[in-house]
Amino acid sequence: KPAKIRGIESQAMLLAASSQEDGEDEKVALLSVPDKVPNGELIQFEGMEPSEPDAMMKSKGAVKAWERVKEGLKANEEGEAVFMKDQAHRMITSGGPIKTSLANTLIR
Protein backbone atom coordinates (compact mmCIF):
# COMPACT_ATOMS: atom_id res chain seq x y z
CA LYS A 1 0.00 0.00 0.00
CA PRO A 2 1.51 3.38 -0.92
CA ALA A 3 2.61 5.52 2.01
CA LYS A 4 4.11 8.98 2.36
CA ILE A 5 7.64 9.04 3.69
CA ARG A 6 8.89 12.54 4.47
CA GLY A 7 6.18 13.94 2.22
CA ILE A 8 7.01 11.74 -0.79
CA GLU A 9 4.76 8.86 -1.85
CA SER A 10 6.52 5.49 -1.72
CA GLN A 11 5.24 2.22 -3.15
CA ALA A 12 8.14 0.06 -2.06
CA MET A 13 9.94 -1.14 1.05
CA LEU A 14 13.66 -1.08 1.74
CA LEU A 15 15.32 -3.72 3.87
CA ALA A 16 18.55 -3.08 5.72
CA ALA A 17 20.94 -5.08 7.88
CA SER A 18 21.64 -3.61 11.30
CA SER A 19 24.52 -4.26 13.70
CA GLN A 20 21.92 -4.41 16.52
CA GLU A 21 23.63 -1.59 18.40
CA ASP A 22 21.30 1.32 19.02
CA GLY A 23 22.94 4.71 19.03
CA GLU A 24 25.85 6.40 17.34
CA ASP A 25 27.86 3.19 16.82
CA GLU A 26 25.05 1.31 15.05
CA LYS A 27 25.97 0.22 11.53
CA VAL A 28 23.25 -0.06 8.88
CA ALA A 29 23.57 -1.31 5.29
CA LEU A 30 20.88 -1.74 2.64
CA LEU A 31 20.30 -5.11 1.05
CA SER A 32 21.45 -5.29 -2.56
CA VAL A 33 19.79 -7.10 -5.44
CA PRO A 34 22.10 -8.21 -8.29
CA ASP A 35 22.22 -5.59 -11.07
CA LYS A 36 20.81 -7.87 -13.77
CA VAL A 37 17.53 -8.53 -11.90
CA PRO A 38 14.56 -6.81 -13.59
CA ASN A 39 12.44 -4.37 -11.56
CA GLY A 40 9.37 -6.02 -10.07
CA GLU A 41 10.76 -9.57 -9.99
CA LEU A 42 9.38 -11.64 -7.11
CA ILE A 43 11.99 -12.68 -4.58
CA GLN A 44 12.02 -16.35 -3.62
CA PHE A 45 13.33 -18.21 -0.61
CA GLU A 46 15.68 -21.02 -1.59
CA GLY A 47 14.32 -24.44 -0.64
CA MET A 48 10.77 -23.17 -0.13
CA GLU A 49 7.83 -23.43 -2.53
CA PRO A 50 7.53 -20.40 -4.86
CA SER A 51 4.57 -18.21 -4.05
CA GLU A 52 2.48 -15.48 -5.59
CA PRO A 53 1.88 -12.07 -3.98
CA ASP A 54 -0.55 -12.41 -1.11
CA ALA A 55 -3.70 -10.29 -1.32
CA MET A 56 -3.71 -10.15 2.49
CA MET A 57 -0.59 -7.99 2.43
CA LYS A 58 -2.82 -5.14 1.31
CA SER A 59 -5.11 -5.53 4.32
CA LYS A 60 -4.86 -4.52 7.96
CA GLY A 61 -3.43 -7.97 8.69
CA ALA A 62 -0.29 -7.04 6.75
CA VAL A 63 1.39 -5.53 9.80
CA LYS A 64 0.88 -8.72 11.82
CA ALA A 65 2.13 -10.89 8.94
CA TRP A 66 5.21 -8.69 8.50
CA GLU A 67 5.94 -8.85 12.24
CA ARG A 68 6.02 -12.67 12.05
CA VAL A 69 8.25 -12.72 8.96
CA LYS A 70 10.77 -10.10 10.02
CA GLU A 71 11.68 -12.06 13.16
CA GLY A 72 13.30 -14.68 10.91
CA LEU A 73 15.22 -12.33 8.58
CA LYS A 74 18.98 -12.24 9.10
CA ALA A 75 22.23 -11.81 7.19
CA ASN A 76 24.44 -14.91 7.34
CA GLU A 77 28.25 -15.09 7.62
CA GLU A 78 28.58 -14.31 3.87
CA GLY A 79 26.25 -11.31 4.12
CA GLU A 80 23.47 -13.17 2.28
CA ALA A 81 19.90 -12.38 3.33
CA VAL A 82 18.22 -15.47 4.80
CA PHE A 83 14.90 -16.40 6.37
CA MET A 84 15.35 -18.69 9.35
CA LYS A 85 12.60 -21.26 9.74
CA ASP A 86 13.56 -24.90 10.10
CA GLN A 87 16.87 -23.95 8.46
CA ALA A 88 18.34 -20.95 6.64
CA HIS A 89 16.58 -20.18 3.35
CA ARG A 90 18.49 -17.67 1.21
CA MET A 91 16.57 -14.84 -0.46
CA ILE A 92 17.28 -15.42 -4.13
CA THR A 93 16.53 -13.82 -7.48
CA SER A 94 17.13 -14.84 -11.09
CA GLY A 95 20.51 -13.11 -10.74
CA GLY A 96 21.60 -14.78 -7.51
CA PRO A 97 21.28 -14.13 -3.77
CA ILE A 98 20.39 -10.84 -2.13
CA LYS A 99 23.32 -9.55 -0.07
CA THR A 100 24.47 -6.87 2.33
CA SER A 101 27.90 -5.68 3.41
CA LEU A 102 27.15 -6.58 7.06
CA ALA A 103 27.46 -10.26 8.06
CA ASN A 104 25.77 -12.02 10.99
CA THR A 105 23.23 -9.27 11.60
CA LEU A 106 19.48 -8.72 11.82
CA ILE A 107 17.51 -7.49 8.82
CA ARG A 108 14.90 -4.85 9.60
C-alpha atoms as a PDB file:
ATOM      1  CA  LYS A   1       0.000   0.000   0.000  1.00  0.00           C
ATOM      2  CA  PRO A   2       1.508   3.376  -0.916  1.00  0.00           C
ATOM      3  CA  ALA A   3       2.608   5.520   2.006  1.00  0.00           C
ATOM      4  CA  LYS A   4       4.108   8.978   2.360  1.00  0.00           C
ATOM      5  CA  ILE A   5       7.640   9.040   3.687  1.00  0.00           C
ATOM      6  CA  ARG A   6       8.887  12.538   4.475  1.00  0.00           C
ATOM      7  CA  GLY A   7       6.183  13.940   2.217  1.00  0.00           C
ATOM      8  CA  ILE A   8       7.012  11.738  -0.795  1.00  0.00           C
ATOM      9  CA  GLU A   9       4.763   8.855  -1.850  1.00  0.00           C
ATOM     10  CA  SER A  10       6.524   5.493  -1.718  1.00  0.00           C
ATOM     11  CA  GLN A  11       5.237   2.215  -3.151  1.00  0.00           C
ATOM     12  CA  ALA A  12       8.144   0.063  -2.062  1.00  0.00           C
ATOM     13  CA  MET A  13       9.940  -1.143   1.046  1.00  0.00           C
ATOM     14  CA  LEU A  14      13.655  -1.077   1.736  1.00  0.00           C
ATOM     15  CA  LEU A  15      15.317  -3.720   3.868  1.00  0.00           C
ATOM     16  CA  ALA A  16      18.554  -3.084   5.716  1.00  0.00           C
ATOM     17  CA  ALA A  17      20.939  -5.082   7.879  1.00  0.00           C
ATOM     18  CA  SER A  18      21.644  -3.614  11.297  1.00  0.00           C
ATOM     19  CA  SER A  19      24.517  -4.257  13.698  1.00  0.00           C
ATOM     20  CA  GLN A  20      21.918  -4.413  16.515  1.00  0.00           C
ATOM     21  CA  GLU A  21      23.628  -1.595  18.398  1.00  0.00           C
ATOM     22  CA  ASP A  22      21.304   1.324  19.019  1.00  0.00           C
ATOM     23  CA  GLY A  23      22.942   4.710  19.028  1.00  0.00           C
ATOM     24  CA  GLU A  24      25.850   6.401  17.340  1.00  0.00           C
ATOM     25  CA  ASP A  25      27.860   3.188  16.823  1.00  0.00           C
ATOM     26  CA  GLU A  26      25.054   1.310  15.047  1.00  0.00           C
ATOM     27  CA  LYS A  27      25.967   0.218  11.532  1.00  0.00           C
ATOM     28  CA  VAL A  28      23.245  -0.060   8.884  1.00  0.00           C
ATOM     29  CA  ALA A  29      23.571  -1.307   5.294  1.00  0.00           C
ATOM     30  CA  LEU A  30      20.879  -1.737   2.641  1.00  0.00           C
ATOM     31  CA  LEU A  31      20.302  -5.112   1.054  1.00  0.00           C
ATOM     32  CA  SER A  32      21.447  -5.286  -2.565  1.00  0.00           C
ATOM     33  CA  VAL A  33      19.787  -7.102  -5.438  1.00  0.00           C
ATOM     34  CA  PRO A  34      22.099  -8.208  -8.292  1.00  0.00           C
ATOM     35  CA  ASP A  35      22.218  -5.592 -11.074  1.00  0.00           C
ATOM     36  CA  LYS A  36      20.813  -7.873 -13.775  1.00  0.00           C
ATOM     37  CA  VAL A  37      17.529  -8.532 -11.895  1.00  0.00           C
ATOM     38  CA  PRO A  38      14.557  -6.809 -13.594  1.00  0.00           C
ATOM     39  CA  ASN A  39      12.443  -4.375 -11.565  1.00  0.00           C
ATOM     40  CA  GLY A  40       9.366  -6.022 -10.074  1.00  0.00           C
ATOM     41  CA  GLU A  41      10.761  -9.567  -9.991  1.00  0.00           C
ATOM     42  CA  LEU A  42       9.384 -11.640  -7.110  1.00  0.00           C
ATOM     43  CA  ILE A  43      11.994 -12.682  -4.575  1.00  0.00           C
ATOM     44  CA  GLN A  44      12.019 -16.353  -3.622  1.00  0.00           C
ATOM     45  CA  PHE A  45      13.334 -18.208  -0.606  1.00  0.00           C
ATOM     46  CA  GLU A  46      15.684 -21.022  -1.595  1.00  0.00           C
ATOM     47  CA  GLY A  47      14.318 -24.441  -0.640  1.00  0.00           C
ATOM     48  CA  MET A  48      10.767 -23.171  -0.134  1.00  0.00           C
ATOM     49  CA  GLU A  49       7.833 -23.430  -2.528  1.00  0.00           C
ATOM     50  CA  PRO A  50       7.531 -20.404  -4.856  1.00  0.00           C
ATOM     51  CA  SER A  51       4.565 -18.209  -4.053  1.00  0.00           C
ATOM     52  CA  GLU A  52       2.479 -15.479  -5.594  1.00  0.00           C
ATOM     53  CA  PRO A  53       1.883 -12.069  -3.984  1.00  0.00           C
ATOM     54  CA  ASP A  54      -0.553 -12.409  -1.112  1.00  0.00           C
ATOM     55  CA  ALA A  55      -3.704 -10.292  -1.320  1.00  0.00           C
ATOM     56  CA  MET A  56      -3.712 -10.149   2.492  1.00  0.00           C
ATOM     57  CA  MET A  57      -0.591  -7.991   2.428  1.00  0.00           C
ATOM     58  CA  LYS A  58      -2.819  -5.137   1.310  1.00  0.00           C
ATOM     59  CA  SER A  59      -5.107  -5.535   4.318  1.00  0.00           C
ATOM     60  CA  LYS A  60      -4.862  -4.517   7.962  1.00  0.00           C
ATOM     61  CA  GLY A  61      -3.429  -7.974   8.686  1.00  0.00           C
ATOM     62  CA  ALA A  62      -0.294  -7.041   6.750  1.00  0.00           C
ATOM     63  CA  VAL A  63       1.394  -5.531   9.798  1.00  0.00           C
ATOM     64  CA  LYS A  64       0.881  -8.718  11.821  1.00  0.00           C
ATOM     65  CA  ALA A  65       2.133 -10.887   8.943  1.00  0.00           C
ATOM     66  CA  TRP A  66       5.209  -8.689   8.504  1.00  0.00           C
ATOM     67  CA  GLU A  67       5.941  -8.846  12.240  1.00  0.00           C
ATOM     68  CA  ARG A  68       6.023 -12.666  12.046  1.00  0.00           C
ATOM     69  CA  VAL A  69       8.252 -12.722   8.958  1.00  0.00           C
ATOM     70  CA  LYS A  70      10.773 -10.096  10.020  1.00  0.00           C
ATOM     71  CA  GLU A  71      11.682 -12.065  13.157  1.00  0.00           C
ATOM     72  CA  GLY A  72      13.302 -14.676  10.910  1.00  0.00           C
ATOM     73  CA  LEU A  73      15.221 -12.326   8.584  1.00  0.00           C
ATOM     74  CA  LYS A  74      18.978 -12.244   9.098  1.00  0.00           C
ATOM     75  CA  ALA A  75      22.235 -11.810   7.193  1.00  0.00           C
ATOM     76  CA  ASN A  76      24.442 -14.912   7.336  1.00  0.00           C
ATOM     77  CA  GLU A  77      28.246 -15.090   7.620  1.00  0.00           C
ATOM     78  CA  GLU A  78      28.585 -14.314   3.873  1.00  0.00           C
ATOM     79  CA  GLY A  79      26.249 -11.311   4.124  1.00  0.00           C
ATOM     80  CA  GLU A  80      23.469 -13.171   2.282  1.00  0.00           C
ATOM     81  CA  ALA A  81      19.898 -12.382   3.329  1.00  0.00           C
ATOM     82  CA  VAL A  82      18.218 -15.467   4.795  1.00  0.00           C
ATOM     83  CA  PHE A  83      14.896 -16.404   6.367  1.00  0.00           C
ATOM     84  CA  MET A  84      15.353 -18.694   9.347  1.00  0.00           C
ATOM     85  CA  LYS A  85      12.595 -21.261   9.742  1.00  0.00           C
ATOM     86  CA  ASP A  86      13.563 -24.903  10.103  1.00  0.00           C
ATOM     87  CA  GLN A  87      16.868 -23.952   8.456  1.00  0.00           C
ATOM     88  CA  ALA A  88      18.343 -20.947   6.641  1.00  0.00           C
ATOM     89  CA  HIS A  89      16.577 -20.184   3.346  1.00  0.00           C
ATOM     90  CA  ARG A  90      18.490 -17.671   1.210  1.00  0.00           C
ATOM     91  CA  MET A  91      16.575 -14.843  -0.461  1.00  0.00           C
ATOM     92  CA  ILE A  92      17.285 -15.416  -4.134  1.00  0.00           C
ATOM     93  CA  THR A  93      16.532 -13.816  -7.478  1.00  0.00           C
ATOM     94  CA  SER A  94      17.128 -14.840 -11.090  1.00  0.00           C
ATOM     95  CA  GLY A  95      20.515 -13.109 -10.745  1.00  0.00           C
ATOM     96  CA  GLY A  96      21.597 -14.779  -7.507  1.00  0.00           C
ATOM     97  CA  PRO A  97      21.284 -14.132  -3.768  1.00  0.00           C
ATOM     98  CA  ILE A  98      20.386 -10.835  -2.127  1.00  0.00           C
ATOM     99  CA  LYS A  99      23.323  -9.547  -0.071  1.00  0.00           C
ATOM    100  CA  THR A 100      24.467  -6.873   2.332  1.00  0.00           C
ATOM    101  CA  SER A 101      27.905  -5.676   3.406  1.00  0.00           C
ATOM    102  CA  LEU A 102      27.153  -6.581   7.056  1.00  0.00           C
ATOM    103  CA  ALA A 103      27.456 -10.256   8.061  1.00  0.00           C
ATOM    104  CA  ASN A 104      25.766 -12.024  10.985  1.00  0.00           C
ATOM    105  CA  THR A 105      23.227  -9.268  11.597  1.00  0.00           C
ATOM    106  CA  LEU A 106      19.479  -8.723  11.823  1.00  0.00           C
ATOM    107  CA  ILE A 107      17.509  -7.490   8.818  1.00  0.00           C
ATOM    108  CA  ARG A 108      14.905  -4.847   9.595  1.00  0.00           C
END
